């Protein structure tokens, strides 16, 4: 893969920038993952890819062309989804801080809008009916927090969504004046949440659906968004659940979700995209500090922000290539992999087993297709690297590399304009 990208760069097919770093994204692999996901769920399921996981338009576009939708957490992500060609009725709007203008925009265009709280639902009701927009209410399923508190949103005291009894009251209050109010939304969290918690969240949504039907005397809910958040194996959790196992557990625990009476929506991001990306960073220097070998590379906390601050929760796998792009054999020592930023915490790997690393080698960071590029840090004003898409028969530019003059323009009064 690396050799093919380098050859494409030499002949001008892609622009890889100054060679300090590049991100490669396997488009074939993401297509296969979406196809497998589609086969496991009912045919009418809307698989809305979490834009926050990877907002690159040219990553989202082929997924949309294959029938996926987009889950968005901001008005900006809505515009990213539209730029990727996503039809409005396949865009799910989930921001917990939607403004009135944003709600108006979403409703006028027929997006799926999942409201977070009673005040937001009052705002939606004040806008009047929409012929095409489905309105869902986010439920806090109260299934406990996962092992990573910052990414767990389905436990008691979470600021996201409303408890079950309040959700039922929201429907009872607005069922008559909002025909589009017919959805439920639940999202337990992301990495660190167990399969049992994810399934319990879906089961809680089905239970609330039944309570609403009993309260209103009709089966009002015909769409349930079960969220995403399926944990991914980053090299330390070999027992991370597969999508196949997740669906099997859902079918066993929540058969009513698969009987054709309700349309399902999913919001996978990491599970679809994490393993599709690798980042390649040039080793600028090696040095030994207090008996520990350090490789200083051209990617760090700018790309792997969570890893720098919570390394035990967000580890990555590393390998090393020589200057010609060939794998370097052997595991001769343990290395600290440090980035280029000017603070002590810019360390993305400790005790990493690698061969002899030398200046000019490339360190490969695996599984960076989700929640990496989208979380890029501007500390030290480093340029974002090029992103190159790889297919069996083609190498394509997914994003151009930034250059120093681009960063100066970004920080100027008029920004990118």
Protein backbone atom coordinates (compact mmCIF):
# COMPACT_ATOMS: atom_id res chain seq x y z
CA UNK A 1 0.00 0.00 0.00
CA UNK A 2 2.74 2.43 0.96
CA UNK A 3 4.75 1.75 -2.20
CA UNK A 4 1.68 2.32 -4.35
CA UNK A 5 0.98 5.67 -2.69
CA UNK A 6 4.58 6.77 -3.06
CA UNK A 7 4.57 5.86 -6.75
CA UNK A 8 1.33 7.79 -7.26
CA UNK A 9 2.94 10.77 -5.53
CA UNK A 10 5.97 10.65 -7.79
CA UNK A 11 3.89 10.70 -10.96
CA UNK A 12 1.61 13.46 -9.67
CA UNK A 13 -1.54 11.39 -9.21
CA UNK A 14 -1.75 12.44 -5.57
CA UNK A 15 -0.15 15.15 -3.44
CA UNK A 16 1.36 13.72 -0.26
CA UNK A 17 2.87 17.01 0.87
CA UNK A 18 6.34 17.37 2.37
CA UNK A 19 6.67 13.74 3.37
CA UNK A 20 6.56 14.31 7.13
CA UNK A 21 3.29 12.40 7.51
CA UNK A 22 0.40 10.98 5.52
CA UNK A 23 -2.84 9.18 6.34
CA UNK A 24 -3.99 6.26 4.18
CA UNK A 25 -7.63 5.16 4.12
CA UNK A 26 -8.77 1.80 2.78
CA UNK A 27 -11.99 2.56 0.89
CA UNK A 28 -12.54 -1.06 -0.09
CA UNK A 29 -12.49 -2.12 3.54
CA UNK A 30 -15.06 0.47 4.62
CA UNK A 31 -17.29 -0.63 1.72
CA UNK A 32 -17.07 -4.24 2.87
CA UNK A 33 -17.90 -3.28 6.44
CA UNK A 34 -20.97 -1.32 5.37
CA UNK A 35 -22.09 -4.22 3.16
CA UNK A 36 -21.76 -6.65 6.08
CA UNK A 37 -23.67 -4.29 8.37
CA UNK A 38 -26.44 -3.92 5.80
CA UNK A 39 -26.83 -7.68 5.48
CA UNK A 40 -27.18 -8.18 9.24
CA UNK A 41 -30.00 -5.69 9.85
CA UNK A 42 -33.48 -5.52 8.28
CA UNK A 43 -33.53 -4.16 4.74
CA UNK A 44 -35.17 -0.85 5.65
CA UNK A 45 -32.64 0.01 8.39
CA UNK A 46 -31.01 3.43 8.03
CA UNK A 47 -27.30 3.15 8.77
CA UNK A 48 -26.34 6.73 9.57
CA UNK A 49 -22.54 6.94 9.74
CA UNK A 50 -21.34 9.10 12.64
CA UNK A 51 -19.78 12.12 10.94
CA UNK A 52 -17.89 12.98 14.13
CA UNK A 53 -15.88 9.78 13.64
CA UNK A 54 -14.50 10.93 10.29
CA UNK A 55 -15.88 14.07 8.62
CA UNK A 56 -13.88 13.82 5.41
CA UNK A 57 -16.37 14.35 2.59
CA UNK A 58 -14.57 11.94 0.29
CA UNK A 59 -14.68 9.22 2.96
CA UNK A 60 -18.40 9.72 3.52
CA UNK A 61 -19.35 10.05 -0.14
CA UNK A 62 -18.91 6.38 -1.19
CA UNK A 63 -20.77 5.25 1.93
CA UNK A 64 -23.67 7.55 1.06
CA UNK A 65 -23.60 6.32 -2.53
CA UNK A 66 -23.97 2.78 -1.16
CA UNK A 67 -27.12 3.77 0.74
CA UNK A 68 -25.82 4.94 4.10
CA UNK A 69 -26.98 8.08 5.86
CA UNK A 70 -25.10 10.47 8.14
CA UNK A 71 -25.48 11.06 11.87
CA UNK A 72 -24.62 14.67 12.66
CA UNK A 73 -23.90 16.41 15.95
CA UNK A 74 -23.72 20.02 14.72
CA UNK A 75 -25.02 22.26 11.97
CA UNK A 76 -21.53 22.11 10.47
CA UNK A 77 -21.70 18.33 10.26
CA UNK A 78 -25.07 18.64 8.50
CA UNK A 79 -23.36 20.70 5.82
CA UNK A 80 -20.57 18.11 5.60
CA UNK A 81 -23.22 15.42 5.07
CA UNK A 82 -24.92 17.48 2.36
CA UNK A 83 -21.56 18.06 0.67
CA UNK A 84 -21.08 14.28 0.63
CA UNK A 85 -24.35 13.99 -1.31
CA UNK A 86 -26.45 12.62 1.55
CA UNK A 87 -30.21 13.06 0.96
CA UNK A 88 -31.76 15.12 3.78
CA UNK A 89 -34.10 12.34 4.86
CA UNK A 90 -31.03 10.17 5.57
CA UNK A 91 -29.41 12.79 7.82
CA UNK A 92 -29.94 12.39 11.56
CA UNK A 93 -29.45 15.53 13.68
CA UNK A 94 -28.40 14.72 17.26
CA UNK A 95 -26.75 17.83 18.70
CA UNK A 96 -27.57 18.38 22.41
CA UNK A 97 -27.46 22.16 21.88
CA UNK A 98 -29.55 22.82 18.77
CA UNK A 99 -30.47 26.46 18.26
CA UNK A 100 -33.87 27.55 16.99
CA UNK A 101 -32.33 28.48 13.64
CA UNK A 102 -30.72 25.05 13.39
CA UNK A 103 -33.97 23.30 14.22
CA UNK A 104 -35.73 25.38 11.59
CA UNK A 105 -33.08 24.50 9.00
CA UNK A 106 -33.34 20.79 9.80
CA UNK A 107 -37.12 20.68 9.85
CA UNK A 108 -37.53 22.63 6.61
CA UNK A 109 -35.24 20.20 4.83
CA UNK A 110 -36.78 17.04 6.23
CA UNK A 111 -33.94 15.77 8.41
CA UNK A 112 -34.51 13.28 11.19
CA UNK A 113 -34.35 15.36 14.37
CA UNK A 114 -33.71 13.64 17.70
CA UNK A 115 -34.60 16.09 20.47
CA UNK A 116 -32.75 15.96 23.77
CA UNK A 117 -35.15 17.43 26.32
CA UNK A 118 -38.67 18.83 26.90
CA UNK A 119 -37.65 22.44 26.16
CA UNK A 120 -36.24 21.44 22.81
CA UNK A 121 -39.43 19.56 21.97
CA UNK A 122 -41.42 22.69 22.85
CA UNK A 123 -39.30 24.62 20.34
CA UNK A 124 -39.95 22.03 17.66
CA UNK A 125 -43.68 22.10 18.37
CA UNK A 126 -43.68 25.89 18.04
CA UNK A 127 -42.26 25.53 14.52
CA UNK A 128 -45.36 23.64 13.44
CA UNK A 129 -45.78 20.45 11.48
CA UNK A 130 -43.37 19.27 8.80
CA UNK A 131 -44.54 16.91 6.09
CA UNK A 132 -41.35 14.86 5.97
CA UNK A 133 -39.26 15.33 9.12
CA UNK A 134 -39.31 12.51 11.66
CA UNK A 135 -38.93 13.67 15.26
CA UNK A 136 -37.40 11.36 17.82
CA UNK A 137 -36.86 11.81 21.54
CA UNK A 138 -33.57 10.81 23.11
CA UNK A 139 -33.94 8.43 26.02
CA UNK A 140 -31.38 8.11 28.78
CA UNK A 141 -31.59 4.34 29.30
CA UNK A 142 -29.87 4.41 32.70
CA UNK A 143 -27.75 1.32 32.01
CA UNK A 144 -24.63 2.46 33.86
CA UNK A 145 -21.36 3.97 32.72
CA UNK A 146 -18.65 2.13 30.84
CA UNK A 147 -14.98 1.96 31.75
CA UNK A 148 -14.26 5.32 30.08
CA UNK A 149 -16.37 7.93 31.79
CA UNK A 150 -15.85 10.67 29.21
CA UNK A 151 -17.43 8.59 26.44
CA UNK A 152 -20.23 6.99 28.48
CA UNK A 153 -23.54 8.81 28.10
CA UNK A 154 -26.19 6.28 29.13
CA UNK A 155 -25.80 6.15 32.89
CA UNK A 156 -27.72 7.79 35.73
CA UNK A 157 -26.98 11.50 35.85
CA UNK A 158 -25.98 11.74 32.18
CA UNK A 159 -26.71 15.15 30.68
CA UNK A 160 -27.89 13.49 27.47
CA UNK A 161 -31.51 12.61 26.87
CA UNK A 162 -34.43 12.27 29.26
CA UNK A 163 -35.42 9.50 31.69
CA UNK A 164 -38.11 7.04 30.66
CA UNK A 165 -41.02 8.59 32.56
CA UNK A 166 -40.23 12.04 31.17
CA UNK A 167 -40.03 10.68 27.61
CA UNK A 168 -43.50 9.17 27.99
CA UNK A 169 -44.85 12.51 29.23
CA UNK A 170 -43.23 14.35 26.29
CA UNK A 171 -45.13 12.11 23.89
CA UNK A 172 -48.36 12.45 25.83
CA UNK A 173 -48.04 16.25 25.70
CA UNK A 174 -47.22 16.65 22.02
CA UNK A 175 -48.62 13.60 20.23
CA UNK A 176 -51.71 15.49 19.08
CA UNK A 177 -49.93 18.51 17.61
CA UNK A 178 -46.87 16.79 16.09
CA UNK A 179 -47.68 13.95 13.71
CA UNK A 180 -43.96 13.57 12.99
CA UNK A 181 -43.26 12.74 16.64
CA UNK A 182 -42.84 9.01 16.19
CA UNK A 183 -39.25 8.11 16.98
CA UNK A 184 -37.08 7.12 19.91
CA UNK A 185 -33.32 7.53 20.17
CA UNK A 186 -30.89 5.85 22.54
CA UNK A 187 -27.10 5.97 22.65
CA UNK A 188 -25.21 4.33 25.51
CA UNK A 189 -21.70 5.46 24.68
CA UNK A 190 -18.61 4.49 22.80
CA UNK A 191 -15.35 2.67 23.56
CA UNK A 192 -15.44 1.15 27.03
CA UNK A 193 -19.15 0.27 27.01
CA UNK A 194 -20.00 -3.42 27.21
CA UNK A 195 -22.17 -5.35 24.80
CA UNK A 196 -24.62 -5.97 27.64
CA UNK A 197 -25.02 -2.20 28.12
CA UNK A 198 -25.62 -1.61 24.42
CA UNK A 199 -28.27 -4.32 24.28
CA UNK A 200 -29.84 -3.05 27.51
CA UNK A 201 -30.11 0.40 25.93
CA UNK A 202 -32.04 -1.00 22.97
CA UNK A 203 -34.23 -3.02 25.31
CA UNK A 204 -34.97 0.16 27.31
CA UNK A 205 -36.08 1.89 24.12
CA UNK A 206 -38.44 -0.96 23.28
CA UNK A 207 -39.85 -0.82 26.81
CA UNK A 208 -40.55 2.91 26.48
CA UNK A 209 -42.14 2.27 23.11
CA UNK A 210 -44.56 -0.11 24.82
CA UNK A 211 -45.27 2.39 27.61
CA UNK A 212 -46.07 5.10 25.06
CA UNK A 213 -48.40 2.75 23.19
CA UNK A 214 -50.22 1.96 26.42
CA UNK A 215 -50.45 5.62 27.40
CA UNK A 216 -51.66 6.83 24.00
CA UNK A 217 -53.73 3.80 23.08
CA UNK A 218 -51.80 3.33 19.85
CA UNK A 219 -48.41 2.04 18.72
CA UNK A 220 -47.09 5.51 18.04
CA UNK A 221 -43.38 4.68 17.59
CA UNK A 222 -42.37 3.41 14.17
CA UNK A 223 -38.68 4.37 14.24
CA UNK A 224 -36.06 3.51 16.88
CA UNK A 225 -32.50 4.80 16.66
CA UNK A 226 -30.30 2.42 18.66
CA UNK A 227 -27.17 4.57 18.30
CA UNK A 228 -23.68 3.24 17.73
CA UNK A 229 -20.69 2.92 20.00
CA UNK A 230 -19.67 -0.68 19.39
CA UNK A 231 -16.22 -1.08 21.03
CA UNK A 232 -13.23 -1.68 18.77
CA UNK A 233 -10.13 -3.78 19.44
CA UNK A 234 -7.10 -1.47 19.38
CA UNK A 235 -4.76 -4.29 20.26
CA UNK A 236 -5.64 -4.79 23.94
CA UNK A 237 -9.19 -6.17 23.77
CA UNK A 238 -9.25 -9.32 21.68
CA UNK A 239 -12.76 -9.99 22.96
CA UNK A 240 -14.21 -6.77 21.52
CA UNK A 241 -17.64 -7.72 20.15
CA UNK A 242 -18.20 -8.04 16.44
CA UNK A 243 -21.20 -6.52 14.73
CA UNK A 244 -22.43 -10.08 14.09
CA UNK A 245 -22.38 -10.85 17.80
CA UNK A 246 -24.08 -7.55 18.61
CA UNK A 247 -26.93 -8.22 16.19
CA UNK A 248 -27.34 -11.77 17.47
CA UNK A 249 -27.70 -10.44 21.02
CA UNK A 250 -30.13 -7.75 19.89
CA UNK A 251 -32.33 -10.27 18.11
CA UNK A 252 -32.35 -12.50 21.19
CA UNK A 253 -33.04 -9.73 23.71
CA UNK A 254 -35.24 -7.42 21.60
CA UNK A 255 -37.14 -9.52 19.03
CA UNK A 256 -39.81 -6.83 18.61
CA UNK A 257 -37.20 -4.58 17.00
CA UNK A 258 -36.85 -7.09 14.18
CA UNK A 259 -40.48 -8.05 13.56
CA UNK A 260 -41.09 -5.41 10.88
CA UNK A 261 -43.20 -3.10 13.05
CA UNK A 262 -40.47 -0.50 13.50
CA UNK A 263 -37.70 0.96 11.35
CA UNK A 264 -34.24 0.80 12.93
CA UNK A 265 -31.56 3.48 12.69
CA UNK A 266 -27.91 2.88 13.60
CA UNK A 267 -25.13 5.41 14.17
CA UNK A 268 -21.91 3.43 13.80
CA UNK A 269 -18.68 5.35 13.36
CA UNK A 270 -15.74 3.63 15.00
CA UNK A 271 -17.00 0.13 14.16
CA UNK A 272 -17.16 1.03 10.48
CA UNK A 273 -14.09 3.22 10.07
CA UNK A 274 -11.42 2.75 12.74
CA UNK A 275 -9.62 -0.15 11.10
CA UNK A 276 -9.73 1.45 7.66
CA UNK A 277 -7.02 4.02 8.31
CA UNK A 278 -3.30 3.99 9.00
CA UNK A 279 -1.06 6.99 9.62
CA UNK A 280 2.58 7.06 8.57
CA UNK A 281 4.92 9.48 10.33
CA UNK A 282 8.57 10.04 9.50
CA UNK A 283 11.07 9.54 12.30
CA UNK A 284 13.03 12.77 12.57
CA UNK A 285 15.28 11.87 15.49
CA UNK A 286 16.03 9.04 17.88
CA UNK A 287 17.45 9.65 21.32
CA UNK A 288 18.02 7.82 24.56
CA UNK A 289 16.72 9.45 27.75
CA UNK A 290 17.35 7.82 31.14
CA UNK A 291 17.86 4.46 29.50
CA UNK A 292 14.69 4.68 27.37
CA UNK A 293 14.83 4.85 23.56
CA UNK A 294 12.68 7.60 22.05
CA UNK A 295 11.54 7.97 18.44
CA UNK A 296 10.54 11.56 17.65
CA UNK A 297 7.98 11.42 14.83
CA UNK A 298 5.87 13.90 12.87
CA UNK A 299 2.50 12.90 14.33
CA UNK A 300 1.52 12.96 17.97
CA UNK A 301 -1.14 14.50 20.15
CA UNK A 302 -2.24 16.56 17.14
CA UNK A 303 -3.69 13.35 15.63
CA UNK A 304 -4.06 11.13 18.71
CA UNK A 305 -5.36 13.64 21.23
CA UNK A 306 -7.14 11.11 23.44
CA UNK A 307 -4.11 8.81 23.50
CA UNK A 308 -1.84 11.57 24.79
CA UNK A 309 -4.14 12.29 27.73
CA UNK A 310 -5.63 8.84 28.42
CA UNK A 311 -3.11 6.33 27.05
CA UNK A 312 -4.51 3.42 29.05
CA UNK A 313 -7.93 3.88 27.42
CA UNK A 314 -6.83 4.72 23.88
CA UNK A 315 -3.79 2.61 22.94
CA UNK A 316 -2.68 2.13 19.34
CA UNK A 317 -0.63 -0.51 17.57
CA UNK A 318 2.63 0.54 15.90
CA UNK A 319 5.01 -0.91 13.35
CA UNK A 320 8.05 0.52 11.58
CA UNK A 321 9.15 0.78 7.94
CA UNK A 322 12.56 1.72 6.61
CA UNK A 323 13.13 4.80 4.46
CA UNK A 324 12.13 2.82 1.33
CA UNK A 325 8.85 1.69 2.86
CA UNK A 326 9.89 -1.89 3.65
CA UNK A 327 8.90 -3.48 6.97
CA UNK A 328 11.81 -3.60 9.40
CA UNK A 329 12.17 -7.08 10.89
CA UNK A 330 12.74 -7.95 14.48
CA UNK A 331 11.58 -6.66 17.84
CA UNK A 332 14.83 -5.60 19.42
CA UNK A 333 13.62 -3.16 22.03
CA UNK A 334 10.87 -1.12 23.58
CA UNK A 335 10.44 2.42 22.40
CA UNK A 336 8.67 5.57 23.49
CA UNK A 337 7.02 7.15 20.46
CA UNK A 338 6.76 10.91 20.90
CA UNK A 339 5.25 13.53 18.64
CA UNK A 340 6.43 16.94 17.40
CA UNK A 341 4.47 19.19 19.75
CA UNK A 342 6.12 21.36 22.39
CA UNK A 343 4.70 19.91 25.57
CA UNK A 344 5.80 16.95 27.67
CA UNK A 345 2.54 15.07 27.24
CA UNK A 346 2.99 14.60 23.49
CA UNK A 347 3.66 10.88 23.82
CA UNK A 348 1.55 8.43 21.83
CA UNK A 349 3.23 5.14 22.68
CA UNK A 350 5.21 3.78 25.61
CA UNK A 351 7.02 0.45 25.79
CA UNK A 352 6.27 -0.09 22.11
CA UNK A 353 8.05 -3.21 20.78
CA UNK A 354 9.82 -2.17 17.58
CA UNK A 355 12.95 -3.12 15.67
CA UNK A 356 15.94 -0.81 15.37
CA UNK A 357 14.45 2.60 14.61
CA UNK A 358 16.57 5.19 12.80
CA UNK A 359 16.02 8.74 11.56
CA UNK A 360 14.27 8.60 8.19
CA UNK A 361 12.28 5.48 9.06
CA UNK A 362 8.50 5.66 9.16
CA UNK A 363 6.40 4.72 12.15
CA UNK A 364 3.01 3.27 11.16
CA UNK A 365 0.08 3.94 13.50
CA UNK A 366 -2.72 1.47 12.89
CA UNK A 367 -6.52 1.78 13.20
CA UNK A 368 -6.73 5.57 12.84
CA UNK A 369 -9.78 5.70 10.55
CA UNK A 370 -12.09 7.08 13.27
CA UNK A 371 -11.82 9.74 15.98
CA UNK A 372 -8.33 10.85 14.97
CA UNK A 373 -8.32 13.20 11.99
CA UNK A 374 -11.67 14.58 13.17
CA UNK A 375 -10.08 15.54 16.51
CA UNK A 376 -6.99 17.24 15.08
CA UNK A 377 -5.38 19.68 17.51
CA UNK A 378 -4.09 23.06 16.32
CA UNK A 379 -1.55 23.30 19.15
CA UNK A 380 1.76 24.46 17.65
CA UNK A 381 -0.12 25.14 14.37
CA UNK A 382 1.06 21.97 12.70
CA UNK A 383 -0.26 21.26 9.22
CA UNK A 384 -2.76 18.45 8.74
CA UNK A 385 -1.31 15.72 6.52
CA UNK A 386 -2.74 14.55 3.23
CA UNK A 387 -5.31 11.76 3.30
CA UNK A 388 -5.00 9.27 0.46
CA UNK A 389 -7.70 6.78 -0.44
CA UNK A 390 -6.62 3.31 -1.49
CA UNK A 391 -8.63 0.82 -3.51
CA UNK A 392 -7.52 -2.36 -5.23
CA UNK A 393 -7.44 -0.55 -8.55
CA UNK A 394 -6.80 3.09 -7.64
CA UNK A 395 -5.11 5.61 -5.39
CA UNK A 396 -7.08 8.82 -4.91
CA UNK A 397 -6.76 12.11 -3.06
CA UNK A 398 -9.26 12.33 -0.19
CA UNK A 399 -7.84 15.54 1.25
CA UNK A 400 -4.99 17.77 0.18
CA UNK A 401 -2.10 18.33 2.61
CA UNK A 402 -2.01 21.64 4.42
CA UNK A 403 1.00 23.87 3.99
CA UNK A 404 2.46 26.57 6.25
CA UNK A 405 0.83 29.34 4.24
CA UNK A 406 -2.55 27.64 4.70
CA UNK A 407 -2.14 27.77 8.46
CA UNK A 408 -1.15 31.45 8.37
CA UNK A 409 -4.31 32.15 6.37
CA UNK A 410 -6.45 30.15 8.80
CA UNK A 411 -5.19 32.19 11.76
CA UNK A 412 -5.65 35.49 9.92
CA UNK A 413 -8.61 37.82 10.33
CA UNK A 414 -10.63 36.42 7.43
CA UNK A 415 -9.61 32.82 8.00
CA UNK A 416 -10.03 30.53 5.00
CA UNK A 417 -12.04 33.10 3.04
